[in-house]
Amino acid sequence: MAKSVIVLGLGKFGVTVAEKLYQAGIEVMAVDKNYDIVQNMSDKVTSAVQCDLLNDKALEELGIGNFDIAVIASGESIEASISATLFAKDHNVDRIIAKATSKNHARILTKIGADQIIFPEIDMGEKLARSIAGSNFLQFFHFSDDYSMIELKAYDELIGKSLKEINFRDKYKMMVIAYKRDGDLIINPEADWRIKEDDTLVLIGDSDSADKLQKAADRYK
């Protein structure tokens, strides 16, 4: 479990991650160049600091090397995210998680030292916070171009059938790792578990297979 996290960039994604981590009992420094945003976050995290991510001297004063994890959440300026990622890498931050706006942006961030890439179109802020905080459910996921985790609401073709009957692994190249029912999360369901109408399935697999399964589900909307 991380002891301290610095979140650089406070758009919707950065704010969500910072707030959820702080609520989980983790020390969080939230950083943005916008004074009003920083002021608004001051009572929602351990500390909130105004800083331009392109200013190396200002970043140096944050003591970024003292944090276990750096979340580079800046998305509007690719230059700023690259600069912050490089700075975190140069200061030996153990784990660097960076938000990317495109595949090319992600490749650059990976090459310069980002350990994990998050894409803005995937609303993963809260899930990432749970992952860093030490949730057994999400801690092993690496969100990238290659692999995806999806939450799939049960649709007509699935309702009443068991996992063995549907055979997600062969039919969709996806693995059901959990399901949600009546507010409870059940990990690693048995093969004879039958799906009910209001269930939500949690699956993991390669991104292409996830897209195909999502499209199959969309036909039943």
C-alpha atoms as a PDB file:
ATOM      1  CA  MET A   1       0.000   0.000   0.000  1.00  0.00           C
ATOM      2  CA  ALA A   2       1.359   3.370  -1.029  1.00  0.00           C
ATOM      3  CA  LYS A   3       2.201   5.771   1.786  1.00  0.00           C
ATOM      4  CA  SER A   4       2.329   8.935  -0.264  1.00  0.00           C
ATOM      5  CA  VAL A   5       1.195  10.043  -3.724  1.00  0.00           C
ATOM      6  CA  ILE A   6       1.704  13.262  -5.656  1.00  0.00           C
ATOM      7  CA  VAL A   7      -0.949  14.070  -8.268  1.00  0.00           C
ATOM      8  CA  LEU A   8       0.232  16.509 -10.945  1.00  0.00           C
ATOM      9  CA  GLY A   9      -2.635  18.117 -12.838  1.00  0.00           C
ATOM     10  CA  LEU A  10      -6.122  18.637 -11.419  1.00  0.00           C
ATOM     11  CA  GLY A  11      -8.612  18.115 -14.203  1.00  0.00           C
ATOM     12  CA  LYS A  12     -11.557  15.791 -13.525  1.00  0.00           C
ATOM     13  CA  PHE A  13      -9.314  12.733 -13.592  1.00  0.00           C
ATOM     14  CA  GLY A  14      -6.655  14.178 -11.279  1.00  0.00           C
ATOM     15  CA  VAL A  15      -9.224  15.513  -8.823  1.00  0.00           C
ATOM     16  CA  THR A  16     -10.989  12.139  -8.627  1.00  0.00           C
ATOM     17  CA  VAL A  17      -7.758  10.236  -8.003  1.00  0.00           C
ATOM     18  CA  ALA A  18      -6.505  12.733  -5.414  1.00  0.00           C
ATOM     19  CA  GLU A  19      -9.767  12.838  -3.452  1.00  0.00           C
ATOM     20  CA  LYS A  20     -10.322   9.080  -3.423  1.00  0.00           C
ATOM     21  CA  LEU A  21      -6.766   8.343  -2.351  1.00  0.00           C
ATOM     22  CA  TYR A  22      -6.996  10.852   0.484  1.00  0.00           C
ATOM     23  CA  GLN A  23     -10.309   9.313   1.585  1.00  0.00           C
ATOM     24  CA  ALA A  24      -8.516   5.946   1.637  1.00  0.00           C
ATOM     25  CA  GLY A  25      -6.069   7.318   4.195  1.00  0.00           C
ATOM     26  CA  ILE A  26      -3.113   7.983   1.899  1.00  0.00           C
ATOM     27  CA  GLU A  27      -0.980  11.110   2.079  1.00  0.00           C
ATOM     28  CA  VAL A  28      -1.731  13.106  -1.083  1.00  0.00           C
ATOM     29  CA  MET A  29      -0.189  16.266  -2.507  1.00  0.00           C
ATOM     30  CA  ALA A  30      -2.330  17.753  -5.295  1.00  0.00           C
ATOM     31  CA  VAL A  31      -0.606  20.096  -7.758  1.00  0.00           C
ATOM     32  CA  ASP A  32      -1.901  22.391 -10.492  1.00  0.00           C
ATOM     33  CA  LYS A  33      -0.947  25.730 -11.991  1.00  0.00           C
ATOM     34  CA  ASN A  34      -4.499  27.091 -11.547  1.00  0.00           C
ATOM     35  CA  TYR A  35      -4.725  28.915  -8.209  1.00  0.00           C
ATOM     36  CA  ASP A  36      -8.520  28.597  -7.893  1.00  0.00           C
ATOM     37  CA  ILE A  37      -8.427  24.837  -8.451  1.00  0.00           C
ATOM     38  CA  VAL A  38      -5.662  24.453  -5.887  1.00  0.00           C
ATOM     39  CA  GLN A  39      -7.592  26.495  -3.332  1.00  0.00           C
ATOM     40  CA  ASN A  40     -10.686  24.379  -3.901  1.00  0.00           C
ATOM     41  CA  MET A  41      -8.678  21.205  -3.230  1.00  0.00           C
ATOM     42  CA  SER A  42      -6.918  22.472  -0.116  1.00  0.00           C
ATOM     43  CA  ASP A  43      -9.283  20.791   2.351  1.00  0.00           C
ATOM     44  CA  LYS A  44      -9.772  17.617   0.283  1.00  0.00           C
ATOM     45  CA  VAL A  45      -6.161  16.337   0.297  1.00  0.00           C
ATOM     46  CA  THR A  46      -3.142  16.413   2.596  1.00  0.00           C
ATOM     47  CA  SER A  47      -1.724  19.435   0.776  1.00  0.00           C
ATOM     48  CA  ALA A  48      -2.513  21.364  -2.398  1.00  0.00           C
ATOM     49  CA  VAL A  49       0.167  23.378  -4.180  1.00  0.00           C
ATOM     50  CA  GLN A  50       0.155  25.801  -7.091  1.00  0.00           C
ATOM     51  CA  CYS A  51       2.927  24.924  -9.543  1.00  0.00           C
ATOM     52  CA  ASP A  52       3.651  25.117 -13.264  1.00  0.00           C
ATOM     53  CA  LEU A  53       4.619  21.604 -14.399  1.00  0.00           C
ATOM     54  CA  LEU A  54       6.968  23.089 -16.994  1.00  0.00           C
ATOM     55  CA  ASN A  55       8.990  24.817 -14.280  1.00  0.00           C
ATOM     56  CA  ASP A  56      11.703  22.409 -13.123  1.00  0.00           C
ATOM     57  CA  LYS A  57      12.745  24.654 -10.246  1.00  0.00           C
ATOM     58  CA  ALA A  58       9.188  24.766  -8.926  1.00  0.00           C
ATOM     59  CA  LEU A  59       8.878  20.977  -9.268  1.00  0.00           C
ATOM     60  CA  GLU A  60      12.140  20.578  -7.383  1.00  0.00           C
ATOM     61  CA  GLU A  61      10.701  22.501  -4.444  1.00  0.00           C
ATOM     62  CA  LEU A  62       7.803  20.038  -4.212  1.00  0.00           C
ATOM     63  CA  GLY A  63      10.191  17.288  -3.123  1.00  0.00           C
ATOM     64  CA  ILE A  64       8.768  14.923  -5.732  1.00  0.00           C
ATOM     65  CA  GLY A  65      11.434  12.307  -5.016  1.00  0.00           C
ATOM     66  CA  ASN A  66       9.993  11.778  -1.537  1.00  0.00           C
ATOM     67  CA  PHE A  67       6.735  10.323  -2.872  1.00  0.00           C
ATOM     68  CA  ASP A  68       6.075   6.620  -3.475  1.00  0.00           C
ATOM     69  CA  ILE A  69       3.904   7.260  -6.530  1.00  0.00           C
ATOM     70  CA  ALA A  70       3.530  10.122  -8.991  1.00  0.00           C
ATOM     71  CA  VAL A  71       0.303  10.389 -10.975  1.00  0.00           C
ATOM     72  CA  ILE A  72       0.865  12.606 -14.010  1.00  0.00           C
ATOM     73  CA  ALA A  73      -2.737  13.641 -14.601  1.00  0.00           C
ATOM     74  CA  SER A  74      -2.103  16.661 -16.825  1.00  0.00           C
ATOM     75  CA  GLY A  75      -3.852  16.131 -20.153  1.00  0.00           C
ATOM     76  CA  GLU A  76      -4.281  19.518 -21.807  1.00  0.00           C
ATOM     77  CA  SER A  77      -0.561  20.053 -22.325  1.00  0.00           C
ATOM     78  CA  ILE A  78       1.395  17.118 -23.732  1.00  0.00           C
ATOM     79  CA  GLU A  79       4.578  19.072 -23.096  1.00  0.00           C
ATOM     80  CA  ALA A  80       3.685  19.456 -19.415  1.00  0.00           C
ATOM     81  CA  SER A  81       2.932  15.740 -18.980  1.00  0.00           C
ATOM     82  CA  ILE A  82       6.193  14.776 -20.676  1.00  0.00           C
ATOM     83  CA  SER A  83       8.150  17.246 -18.563  1.00  0.00           C
ATOM     84  CA  ALA A  84       6.572  16.038 -15.315  1.00  0.00           C
ATOM     85  CA  THR A  85       7.118  12.375 -16.221  1.00  0.00           C
ATOM     86  CA  LEU A  86      10.784  13.000 -16.996  1.00  0.00           C
ATOM     87  CA  PHE A  87      11.197  14.927 -13.761  1.00  0.00           C
ATOM     88  CA  ALA A  88       9.611  12.128 -11.706  1.00  0.00           C
ATOM     89  CA  LYS A  89      11.821   9.558 -13.419  1.00  0.00           C
ATOM     90  CA  ASP A  90      14.963  11.647 -12.845  1.00  0.00           C
ATOM     91  CA  HIS A  91      14.075  11.864  -9.151  1.00  0.00           C
ATOM     92  CA  ASN A  92      13.632   8.092  -8.777  1.00  0.00           C
ATOM     93  CA  VAL A  93       9.921   7.983  -7.953  1.00  0.00           C
ATOM     94  CA  ASP A  94       9.143   4.280  -7.477  1.00  0.00           C
ATOM     95  CA  ARG A  95       6.017   4.223  -9.630  1.00  0.00           C
ATOM     96  CA  ILE A  96       4.945   6.713 -12.291  1.00  0.00           C
ATOM     97  CA  ILE A  97       1.380   6.603 -13.627  1.00  0.00           C
ATOM     98  CA  ALA A  98       0.688   8.950 -16.533  1.00  0.00           C
ATOM     99  CA  LYS A  99      -2.448  10.048 -18.329  1.00  0.00           C
ATOM    100  CA  ALA A 100      -2.181  10.002 -22.133  1.00  0.00           C
ATOM    101  CA  THR A 101      -4.325  11.658 -24.796  1.00  0.00           C
ATOM    102  CA  SER A 102      -3.352   9.368 -27.690  1.00  0.00           C
ATOM    103  CA  LYS A 103      -1.416   6.201 -28.472  1.00  0.00           C
ATOM    104  CA  ASN A 104       1.562   8.223 -29.681  1.00  0.00           C
ATOM    105  CA  HIS A 105       1.509  10.260 -26.475  1.00  0.00           C
ATOM    106  CA  ALA A 106       1.384   6.997 -24.509  1.00  0.00           C
ATOM    107  CA  ARG A 107       4.382   5.590 -26.381  1.00  0.00           C
ATOM    108  CA  ILE A 108       6.417   8.685 -25.574  1.00  0.00           C
ATOM    109  CA  LEU A 109       5.467   8.580 -21.891  1.00  0.00           C
ATOM    110  CA  THR A 110       6.349   4.881 -21.703  1.00  0.00           C
ATOM    111  CA  LYS A 111       9.728   5.399 -23.357  1.00  0.00           C
ATOM    112  CA  ILE A 112      10.694   8.185 -20.947  1.00  0.00           C
ATOM    113  CA  GLY A 113       9.812   6.250 -17.835  1.00  0.00           C
ATOM    114  CA  ALA A 114       6.064   5.964 -17.141  1.00  0.00           C
ATOM    115  CA  ASP A 115       5.262   2.601 -15.532  1.00  0.00           C
ATOM    116  CA  GLN A 116       1.545   2.704 -16.286  1.00  0.00           C
ATOM    117  CA  ILE A 117      -0.549   4.597 -18.842  1.00  0.00           C
ATOM    118  CA  ILE A 118      -4.131   5.730 -18.286  1.00  0.00           C
ATOM    119  CA  PHE A 119      -6.263   6.951 -21.178  1.00  0.00           C
ATOM    120  CA  PRO A 120      -8.672   9.842 -20.511  1.00  0.00           C
ATOM    121  CA  GLU A 121     -11.598   8.304 -22.410  1.00  0.00           C
ATOM    122  CA  ILE A 122     -11.657   5.496 -19.864  1.00  0.00           C
ATOM    123  CA  ASP A 123     -13.100   6.871 -16.686  1.00  0.00           C
ATOM    124  CA  MET A 124     -10.702   5.016 -14.406  1.00  0.00           C
ATOM    125  CA  GLY A 125      -9.993   7.671 -11.792  1.00  0.00           C
ATOM    126  CA  GLU A 126     -11.830   6.017  -8.932  1.00  0.00           C
ATOM    127  CA  LYS A 127     -10.697   2.497  -9.868  1.00  0.00           C
ATOM    128  CA  LEU A 128      -7.073   3.622 -10.066  1.00  0.00           C
ATOM    129  CA  ALA A 129      -7.349   5.165  -6.612  1.00  0.00           C
ATOM    130  CA  ARG A 130      -8.688   1.869  -5.225  1.00  0.00           C
ATOM    131  CA  SER A 131      -5.813   0.067  -6.940  1.00  0.00           C
ATOM    132  CA  ILE A 132      -3.122   2.282  -5.388  1.00  0.00           C
ATOM    133  CA  ALA A 133      -4.863   2.152  -2.010  1.00  0.00           C
ATOM    134  CA  GLY A 134      -4.396  -1.608  -1.936  1.00  0.00           C
ATOM    135  CA  SER A 135      -7.713  -3.108  -3.013  1.00  0.00           C
ATOM    136  CA  ASN A 136      -7.194  -6.835  -3.603  1.00  0.00           C
ATOM    137  CA  PHE A 137      -9.664  -6.651  -6.453  1.00  0.00           C
ATOM    138  CA  LEU A 138      -7.846  -4.160  -8.660  1.00  0.00           C
ATOM    139  CA  GLN A 139      -4.257  -4.101  -7.579  1.00  0.00           C
ATOM    140  CA  PHE A 140      -2.973  -6.454 -10.279  1.00  0.00           C
ATOM    141  CA  PHE A 141      -4.562  -4.688 -13.269  1.00  0.00           C
ATOM    142  CA  HIS A 142      -2.364  -2.874 -15.771  1.00  0.00           C
ATOM    143  CA  PHE A 143      -4.552  -0.705 -17.962  1.00  0.00           C
ATOM    144  CA  SER A 144      -2.988  -0.296 -21.386  1.00  0.00           C
ATOM    145  CA  ASP A 145      -3.645  -0.595 -25.105  1.00  0.00           C
ATOM    146  CA  ASP A 146      -3.234  -4.371 -24.866  1.00  0.00           C
ATOM    147  CA  TYR A 147      -5.470  -5.368 -21.961  1.00  0.00           C
ATOM    148  CA  SER A 148      -8.761  -4.090 -20.616  1.00  0.00           C
ATOM    149  CA  MET A 149     -11.057  -4.678 -17.703  1.00  0.00           C
ATOM    150  CA  ILE A 150     -14.750  -4.088 -18.369  1.00  0.00           C
ATOM    151  CA  GLU A 151     -17.887  -4.069 -16.282  1.00  0.00           C
ATOM    152  CA  LEU A 152     -20.737  -5.574 -18.288  1.00  0.00           C
ATOM    153  CA  LYS A 153     -24.374  -5.356 -17.253  1.00  0.00           C
ATOM    154  CA  ALA A 154     -26.164  -8.656 -17.847  1.00  0.00           C
ATOM    155  CA  TYR A 155     -28.123  -8.670 -21.108  1.00  0.00           C
ATOM    156  CA  ASP A 156     -30.831 -11.003 -22.450  1.00  0.00           C
ATOM    157  CA  GLU A 157     -28.538 -13.613 -24.027  1.00  0.00           C
ATOM    158  CA  LEU A 158     -26.715 -14.129 -20.704  1.00  0.00           C
ATOM    159  CA  ILE A 159     -29.543 -14.064 -18.167  1.00  0.00           C
ATOM    160  CA  GLY A 160     -30.344 -17.454 -16.670  1.00  0.00           C
ATOM    161  CA  LYS A 161     -27.225 -19.142 -18.014  1.00  0.00           C
ATOM    162  CA  SER A 162     -24.210 -20.350 -16.092  1.00  0.00           C
ATOM    163  CA  LEU A 163     -20.641 -19.278 -16.815  1.00  0.00           C
ATOM    164  CA  LYS A 164     -19.934 -22.814 -18.012  1.00  0.00           C
ATOM    165  CA  GLU A 165     -22.781 -22.640 -20.528  1.00  0.00           C
ATOM    166  CA  ILE A 166     -21.708 -19.268 -21.897  1.00  0.00           C
ATOM    167  CA  ASN A 167     -17.994 -20.123 -21.914  1.00  0.00           C
ATOM    168  CA  PHE A 168     -16.678 -16.539 -22.106  1.00  0.00           C
ATOM    169  CA  ARG A 169     -13.092 -17.770 -22.417  1.00  0.00           C
ATOM    170  CA  ASP A 170     -13.678 -19.631 -25.712  1.00  0.00           C
ATOM    171  CA  LYS A 171     -16.485 -17.537 -27.159  1.00  0.00           C
ATOM    172  CA  TYR A 172     -15.221 -14.046 -26.336  1.00  0.00           C
ATOM    173  CA  LYS A 173     -11.586 -14.605 -25.219  1.00  0.00           C
ATOM    174  CA  MET A 174     -12.497 -12.905 -21.925  1.00  0.00           C
ATOM    175  CA  MET A 175     -12.375 -14.174 -18.346  1.00  0.00           C
ATOM    176  CA  VAL A 176     -15.020 -13.416 -15.713  1.00  0.00           C
ATOM    177  CA  ILE A 177     -13.141 -12.536 -12.546  1.00  0.00           C
ATOM    178  CA  ALA A 178     -16.008 -11.184 -10.437  1.00  0.00           C
ATOM    179  CA  TYR A 179     -19.628 -10.097 -10.432  1.00  0.00           C
ATOM    180  CA  LYS A 180     -21.731  -7.568  -8.602  1.00  0.00           C
ATOM    181  CA  ARG A 181     -25.128  -8.509  -7.172  1.00  0.00           C
ATOM    182  CA  ASP A 182     -27.305  -6.579  -4.735  1.00  0.00           C
ATOM    183  CA  GLY A 183     -24.416  -4.270  -3.858  1.00  0.00           C
ATOM    184  CA  ASP A 184     -21.972  -7.108  -3.127  1.00  0.00           C
ATOM    185  CA  LEU A 185     -18.830  -7.893  -5.116  1.00  0.00           C
ATOM    186  CA  ILE A 186     -18.114 -11.613  -5.476  1.00  0.00           C
ATOM    187  CA  ILE A 187     -14.609 -12.564  -6.608  1.00  0.00           C
ATOM    188  CA  ASN A 188     -13.837 -15.631  -8.773  1.00  0.00           C
ATOM    189  CA  PRO A 189     -17.349 -17.052  -9.292  1.00  0.00           C
ATOM    190  CA  GLU A 190     -17.813 -20.803  -9.787  1.00  0.00           C
ATOM    191  CA  ALA A 191     -18.451 -22.199 -13.272  1.00  0.00           C
ATOM    192  CA  ASP A 192     -22.041 -23.171 -12.347  1.00  0.00           C
ATOM    193  CA  TRP A 193     -22.899 -19.635 -11.162  1.00  0.00           C
ATOM    194  CA  ARG A 194     -26.020 -18.420 -13.008  1.00  0.00           C
ATOM    195  CA  ILE A 195     -26.446 -14.844 -14.138  1.00  0.00           C
ATOM    196  CA  LYS A 196     -29.469 -12.837 -12.995  1.00  0.00           C
ATOM    197  CA  GLU A 197     -31.072  -9.821 -14.626  1.00  0.00           C
ATOM    198  CA  ASP A 198     -29.483  -7.060 -12.537  1.00  0.00           C
ATOM    199  CA  ASP A 199     -26.018  -8.616 -12.250  1.00  0.00           C
ATOM    200  CA  THR A 200     -22.901  -6.819 -13.453  1.00  0.00           C
ATOM    201  CA  LEU A 201     -20.021  -8.971 -14.676  1.00  0.00           C
ATOM    202  CA  VAL A 202     -16.381  -7.927 -14.355  1.00  0.00           C
ATOM    203  CA  LEU A 203     -14.176  -9.348 -17.098  1.00  0.00           C
ATOM    204  CA  ILE A 204     -10.569  -9.051 -18.199  1.00  0.00           C
ATOM    205  CA  GLY A 205      -8.924  -9.845 -21.522  1.00  0.00           C
ATOM    206  CA  ASP A 206      -7.159  -8.309 -24.477  1.00  0.00           C
ATOM    207  CA  SER A 207      -8.585  -4.987 -25.651  1.00  0.00           C
ATOM    208  CA  ASP A 208      -9.786  -6.281 -29.039  1.00  0.00           C
ATOM    209  CA  SER A 209     -11.829  -9.017 -27.383  1.00  0.00           C
ATOM    210  CA  ALA A 210     -13.235  -6.528 -24.882  1.00  0.00           C
ATOM    211  CA  ASP A 211     -14.396  -4.308 -27.751  1.00  0.00           C
ATOM    212  CA  LYS A 212     -16.072  -7.259 -29.494  1.00  0.00           C
ATOM    213  CA  LEU A 213     -17.891  -8.289 -26.317  1.00  0.00           C
ATOM    214  CA  GLN A 214     -19.043  -4.717 -25.716  1.00  0.00           C
ATOM    215  CA  LYS A 215     -20.413  -4.525 -29.265  1.00  0.00           C
ATOM    216  CA  ALA A 216     -22.225  -7.838 -28.766  1.00  0.00           C
ATOM    217  CA  ALA A 217     -23.829  -6.457 -25.609  1.00  0.00           C
ATOM    218  CA  ASP A 218     -24.809  -3.212 -27.355  1.00  0.00           C
ATOM    219  CA  ARG A 219     -27.028  -5.159 -29.773  1.00  0.00           C
ATOM    220  CA  TYR A 220     -29.315  -5.982 -26.874  1.00  0.00           C
ATOM    221  CA  LYS A 221     -29.846  -2.387 -25.724  1.00  0.00           C
END
